[in-house]
């Protein structure tokens, strides 16, 4: 695994987790009963982006590190995944 591949894997995991974390505990302006002029009622009151980004990063490192170690040193190699016998 190259450094670029490891960084791409980290970014993919991070963005997937961020997209899952964004709607968690979200309160819209309509839910709160407060509406800022010029915004839709579904706009979030306090999206807590910084807090969510921090926890997404922590969880990403926890998931990414074992995955990278498995890819680098794990028992499965590319030869094991060669079902057609091309690399033998």
N, C-alpha and C. Protein backbone atom coordinates (compact mmCIF):
# COMPACT_ATOMS: atom_id res chain seq x y z
N UNK A 1 0.85 -1.17 0.00
CA UNK A 1 0.00 0.00 0.00
C UNK A 1 0.89 1.23 0.00
N UNK A 2 0.63 2.12 -0.90
CA UNK A 2 1.41 3.35 -0.97
C UNK A 2 0.84 4.39 0.00
N UNK A 3 1.60 5.44 0.22
CA UNK A 3 1.15 6.52 1.10
C UNK A 3 -0.11 7.17 0.52
N UNK A 4 -0.12 7.34 -0.79
CA UNK A 4 -1.28 7.94 -1.43
C UNK A 4 -2.52 7.07 -1.24
N UNK A 5 -2.37 5.77 -1.39
CA UNK A 5 -3.51 4.87 -1.20
C UNK A 5 -4.00 4.91 0.24
N UNK A 6 -3.09 4.99 1.19
CA UNK A 6 -3.48 5.08 2.60
C UNK A 6 -4.24 6.37 2.88
N UNK A 7 -3.78 7.48 2.29
CA UNK A 7 -4.47 8.76 2.48
C UNK A 7 -5.84 8.77 1.81
N UNK A 8 -5.94 8.17 0.64
CA UNK A 8 -7.23 8.08 -0.04
C UNK A 8 -8.20 7.23 0.77
N UNK A 9 -7.73 6.13 1.31
CA UNK A 9 -8.56 5.28 2.16
C UNK A 9 -9.04 6.05 3.38
N UNK A 10 -8.15 6.81 4.00
CA UNK A 10 -8.52 7.63 5.15
C UNK A 10 -9.59 8.65 4.77
N UNK A 11 -9.41 9.31 3.63
CA UNK A 11 -10.37 10.33 3.19
C UNK A 11 -11.73 9.72 2.88
N UNK A 12 -11.75 8.57 2.25
CA UNK A 12 -13.01 7.92 1.93
C UNK A 12 -13.76 7.55 3.20
N UNK A 13 -13.06 6.94 4.15
CA UNK A 13 -13.69 6.57 5.42
C UNK A 13 -14.17 7.82 6.15
N UNK A 14 -13.34 8.86 6.18
CA UNK A 14 -13.68 10.09 6.90
C UNK A 14 -14.94 10.73 6.33
N UNK A 15 -15.01 10.88 5.01
CA UNK A 15 -16.18 11.51 4.40
C UNK A 15 -17.43 10.66 4.54
N UNK A 16 -17.30 9.34 4.46
CA UNK A 16 -18.47 8.48 4.66
C UNK A 16 -19.01 8.64 6.07
N UNK A 17 -18.11 8.65 7.05
CA UNK A 17 -18.55 8.81 8.43
C UNK A 17 -19.12 10.21 8.68
N UNK A 18 -18.55 11.23 8.05
CA UNK A 18 -19.08 12.58 8.21
C UNK A 18 -20.49 12.67 7.67
N UNK A 19 -20.74 12.08 6.51
CA UNK A 19 -22.09 12.11 5.94
C UNK A 19 -23.09 11.37 6.83
N UNK A 20 -22.63 10.35 7.55
CA UNK A 20 -23.51 9.65 8.48
C UNK A 20 -23.71 10.45 9.77
N UNK A 21 -22.70 11.22 10.19
CA UNK A 21 -22.77 11.94 11.45
C UNK A 21 -23.51 13.27 11.35
N UNK A 22 -23.56 13.88 10.19
CA UNK A 22 -24.18 15.20 10.07
C UNK A 22 -25.63 15.25 10.54
N UNK A 23 -26.48 14.30 10.20
CA UNK A 23 -27.87 14.41 10.65
C UNK A 23 -28.12 13.97 12.10
N UNK A 24 -27.12 13.47 12.79
CA UNK A 24 -27.31 12.99 14.16
C UNK A 24 -27.54 14.18 15.09
N UNK A 25 -28.59 14.09 15.90
CA UNK A 25 -28.97 15.11 16.89
C UNK A 25 -29.13 16.50 16.26
N UNK A 26 -29.67 16.53 15.06
CA UNK A 26 -29.86 17.79 14.35
C UNK A 26 -31.22 18.37 14.68
N UNK A 27 -31.24 19.64 15.04
CA UNK A 27 -32.48 20.36 15.34
C UNK A 27 -32.62 21.48 14.32
N UNK A 28 -33.75 21.48 13.60
CA UNK A 28 -33.96 22.51 12.59
C UNK A 28 -34.58 23.74 13.22
N UNK A 29 -34.62 24.82 12.44
CA UNK A 29 -35.25 26.05 12.92
C UNK A 29 -36.74 25.83 13.17
N UNK A 30 -37.34 24.98 12.37
CA UNK A 30 -38.76 24.68 12.55
C UNK A 30 -38.98 23.93 13.86
N UNK A 31 -38.08 23.00 14.21
CA UNK A 31 -38.19 22.27 15.48
C UNK A 31 -38.06 23.20 16.68
N UNK A 32 -37.18 24.16 16.57
CA UNK A 32 -36.91 25.08 17.68
C UNK A 32 -37.95 26.21 17.76
N UNK A 33 -38.69 26.44 16.69
CA UNK A 33 -39.68 27.51 16.69
C UNK A 33 -39.08 28.88 16.44
N UNK A 34 -37.83 28.92 15.99
CA UNK A 34 -37.15 30.19 15.69
C UNK A 34 -36.79 30.17 14.22
N UNK A 35 -37.12 31.23 13.52
CA UNK A 35 -36.83 31.28 12.09
C UNK A 35 -36.03 32.53 11.78
N UNK A 36 -34.84 32.34 11.23
CA UNK A 36 -33.99 33.46 10.79
C UNK A 36 -34.48 33.88 9.42
N UNK A 37 -34.77 35.17 9.21
CA UNK A 37 -35.25 35.62 7.90
C UNK A 37 -34.25 35.31 6.79
N UNK A 38 -34.78 34.81 5.67
CA UNK A 38 -33.94 34.51 4.52
C UNK A 38 -33.41 33.09 4.51
N UNK A 39 -33.77 32.28 5.49
CA UNK A 39 -33.32 30.89 5.54
C UNK A 39 -34.53 29.97 5.52
N UNK A 40 -34.35 28.74 5.02
CA UNK A 40 -35.47 27.81 5.04
C UNK A 40 -35.74 27.30 6.45
N UNK A 41 -36.93 26.85 6.69
CA UNK A 41 -37.29 26.35 8.02
C UNK A 41 -36.51 25.09 8.38
N UNK A 42 -36.01 24.39 7.38
CA UNK A 42 -35.27 23.16 7.64
C UNK A 42 -33.80 23.39 7.94
N UNK A 43 -33.36 24.65 7.92
CA UNK A 43 -31.95 24.96 8.22
C UNK A 43 -31.65 24.62 9.68
N UNK A 44 -30.47 24.07 9.94
CA UNK A 44 -30.14 23.69 11.32
C UNK A 44 -29.89 24.90 12.21
N UNK A 45 -30.25 24.75 13.48
CA UNK A 45 -30.00 25.81 14.45
C UNK A 45 -28.53 25.82 14.86
N UNK A 46 -28.05 24.69 15.33
CA UNK A 46 -26.65 24.56 15.75
C UNK A 46 -26.12 23.24 15.21
N UNK A 47 -25.46 23.24 14.05
CA UNK A 47 -25.05 21.98 13.44
C UNK A 47 -23.90 21.27 14.16
N UNK A 48 -23.19 21.94 15.06
CA UNK A 48 -22.09 21.33 15.82
C UNK A 48 -21.05 20.69 14.89
N UNK A 49 -20.68 21.40 13.83
CA UNK A 49 -19.77 20.86 12.82
C UNK A 49 -18.41 20.51 13.42
N UNK A 50 -17.84 21.40 14.22
CA UNK A 50 -16.52 21.15 14.79
C UNK A 50 -16.49 19.91 15.67
N UNK A 51 -17.49 19.76 16.50
CA UNK A 51 -17.58 18.60 17.39
C UNK A 51 -17.74 17.32 16.59
N UNK A 52 -18.58 17.36 15.56
CA UNK A 52 -18.80 16.18 14.72
C UNK A 52 -17.54 15.83 13.93
N UNK A 53 -16.84 16.84 13.42
CA UNK A 53 -15.62 16.58 12.68
C UNK A 53 -14.55 15.96 13.58
N UNK A 54 -14.46 16.42 14.82
CA UNK A 54 -13.51 15.84 15.77
C UNK A 54 -13.80 14.36 16.00
N UNK A 55 -15.07 14.04 16.30
CA UNK A 55 -15.40 12.65 16.59
C UNK A 55 -15.32 11.77 15.35
N UNK A 56 -15.63 12.32 14.19
CA UNK A 56 -15.48 11.56 12.95
C UNK A 56 -14.01 11.23 12.73
N UNK A 57 -13.13 12.17 13.02
CA UNK A 57 -11.69 11.92 12.86
C UNK A 57 -11.21 10.85 13.82
N UNK A 58 -11.67 10.89 15.06
CA UNK A 58 -11.28 9.88 16.05
C UNK A 58 -11.73 8.49 15.61
N UNK A 59 -12.98 8.37 15.20
CA UNK A 59 -13.51 7.07 14.77
C UNK A 59 -12.83 6.61 13.49
N UNK A 60 -12.51 7.53 12.59
CA UNK A 60 -11.83 7.17 11.35
C UNK A 60 -10.46 6.58 11.64
N UNK A 61 -9.71 7.18 12.55
CA UNK A 61 -8.38 6.64 12.90
C UNK A 61 -8.53 5.26 13.50
N UNK A 62 -9.54 5.07 14.34
CA UNK A 62 -9.76 3.76 14.97
C UNK A 62 -10.10 2.69 13.93
N UNK A 63 -10.82 3.06 12.89
CA UNK A 63 -11.16 2.10 11.83
C UNK A 63 -10.06 1.97 10.79
N UNK A 64 -9.38 3.07 10.49
CA UNK A 64 -8.40 3.10 9.41
C UNK A 64 -7.11 2.36 9.77
N UNK A 65 -6.61 2.55 10.97
CA UNK A 65 -5.33 1.95 11.35
C UNK A 65 -5.34 0.42 11.28
N UNK A 66 -6.32 -0.27 11.87
CA UNK A 66 -6.31 -1.73 11.72
C UNK A 66 -6.49 -2.19 10.27
N UNK A 67 -7.27 -1.42 9.50
CA UNK A 67 -7.46 -1.78 8.10
C UNK A 67 -6.16 -1.66 7.31
N UNK A 68 -5.41 -0.60 7.54
CA UNK A 68 -4.11 -0.44 6.86
C UNK A 68 -3.14 -1.53 7.30
N UNK A 69 -3.12 -1.83 8.59
CA UNK A 69 -2.23 -2.89 9.07
C UNK A 69 -2.62 -4.24 8.49
N UNK A 70 -3.92 -4.49 8.34
CA UNK A 70 -4.36 -5.74 7.73
C UNK A 70 -3.94 -5.81 6.27
N UNK A 71 -4.08 -4.69 5.56
CA UNK A 71 -3.69 -4.67 4.15
C UNK A 71 -2.18 -4.88 4.00
N UNK A 72 -1.39 -4.26 4.88
CA UNK A 72 0.07 -4.37 4.77
C UNK A 72 0.61 -5.71 5.26
N UNK A 73 0.11 -6.19 6.39
CA UNK A 73 0.72 -7.36 7.03
C UNK A 73 -0.25 -8.53 7.20
N UNK A 74 -1.44 -8.42 6.68
CA UNK A 74 -2.47 -9.43 6.90
C UNK A 74 -2.21 -10.74 6.18
N UNK A 75 -3.01 -11.73 6.50
CA UNK A 75 -2.82 -13.06 5.91
C UNK A 75 -3.31 -13.17 4.48
N UNK A 76 -4.03 -12.18 3.98
CA UNK A 76 -4.56 -12.24 2.61
C UNK A 76 -3.66 -11.43 1.69
N UNK A 77 -3.17 -12.07 0.65
CA UNK A 77 -2.32 -11.40 -0.33
C UNK A 77 -3.05 -11.31 -1.66
N UNK A 78 -2.48 -10.60 -2.60
CA UNK A 78 -3.08 -10.50 -3.93
C UNK A 78 -3.10 -11.86 -4.62
N UNK A 79 -2.12 -12.70 -4.35
CA UNK A 79 -2.10 -14.03 -4.95
C UNK A 79 -3.26 -14.87 -4.43
N UNK A 80 -3.68 -14.65 -3.20
CA UNK A 80 -4.83 -15.37 -2.65
C UNK A 80 -6.14 -14.94 -3.32
N UNK A 81 -6.19 -13.72 -3.81
CA UNK A 81 -7.39 -13.20 -4.44
C UNK A 81 -7.42 -13.44 -5.95
N UNK A 82 -6.38 -14.04 -6.49
CA UNK A 82 -6.28 -14.31 -7.92
C UNK A 82 -7.04 -15.60 -8.23
N UNK A 83 -8.31 -15.47 -8.58
CA UNK A 83 -9.17 -16.64 -8.80
C UNK A 83 -8.96 -17.27 -10.17
N UNK A 84 -8.33 -16.54 -11.08
CA UNK A 84 -8.18 -17.03 -12.45
C UNK A 84 -6.77 -17.55 -12.74
N UNK A 85 -5.87 -17.51 -11.77
CA UNK A 85 -4.54 -18.07 -11.94
C UNK A 85 -3.64 -17.27 -12.86
N UNK A 86 -3.82 -15.99 -12.96
CA UNK A 86 -3.02 -15.16 -13.86
C UNK A 86 -1.64 -14.83 -13.30
N UNK A 87 -1.51 -14.73 -12.01
CA UNK A 87 -0.24 -14.29 -11.40
C UNK A 87 0.49 -15.44 -10.72
N UNK A 88 0.43 -16.62 -11.28
CA UNK A 88 1.12 -17.76 -10.66
C UNK A 88 2.30 -18.18 -11.46
